[in-house]
Amino acid sequence: MKYMLIMRATDEGVELFKSIPFEQVIEAMGKYNESLIKAGVMAAGEGLTDAEEGVVVDFSSQPPLVTDGPYGETKELFNGFWILDVASKEEAVEWAKRCPLGPGSKLEIRRVTDASDFPEDNEWIEKEKQWRADAEASEA
């Protein structure tokens, strides 16, 4: 099963992070990522740029409204993610607890859906399966 660890932080957590030497942060995250890779559970993982560089596409109007960051009323920022391929939610939780994050940071853990989560007789699910098979074949 795949689980996404979604790294989130409050504004206060982001400010605390800025007080830690960058090399120390890179080393701690590098060691964490290395442990995930050596255990064979890391399928993907990326950090994100500062929220000021982002945009939001809001679909509550037509046409959708595009707003530049930083965003108003931010309680938590989405700062990055890992996708782990593990045997259970409990194993994903154990890996999350080892992440070198501090106060003001959280990891949300969500299972990544797969084809078995959807009706097998849906034409779009069948197309999705074929697209994935085609993509895997072209990578080989």
Foldseek 3Di string as FASTA:
>chain_A
DKKKWWKKFFPVQVVVVVVDPPVVLCVLQVVLVVVLVVVVWWPDKDWDDDQQQDWDFAVPDPPTDIGGDDDPPDGMDGTMMTMTDDDDPVVVVVSLVSRPGDPRMGIDMDGDDDLVVDDPPDPVSVVVVVVVVVVVVVVD
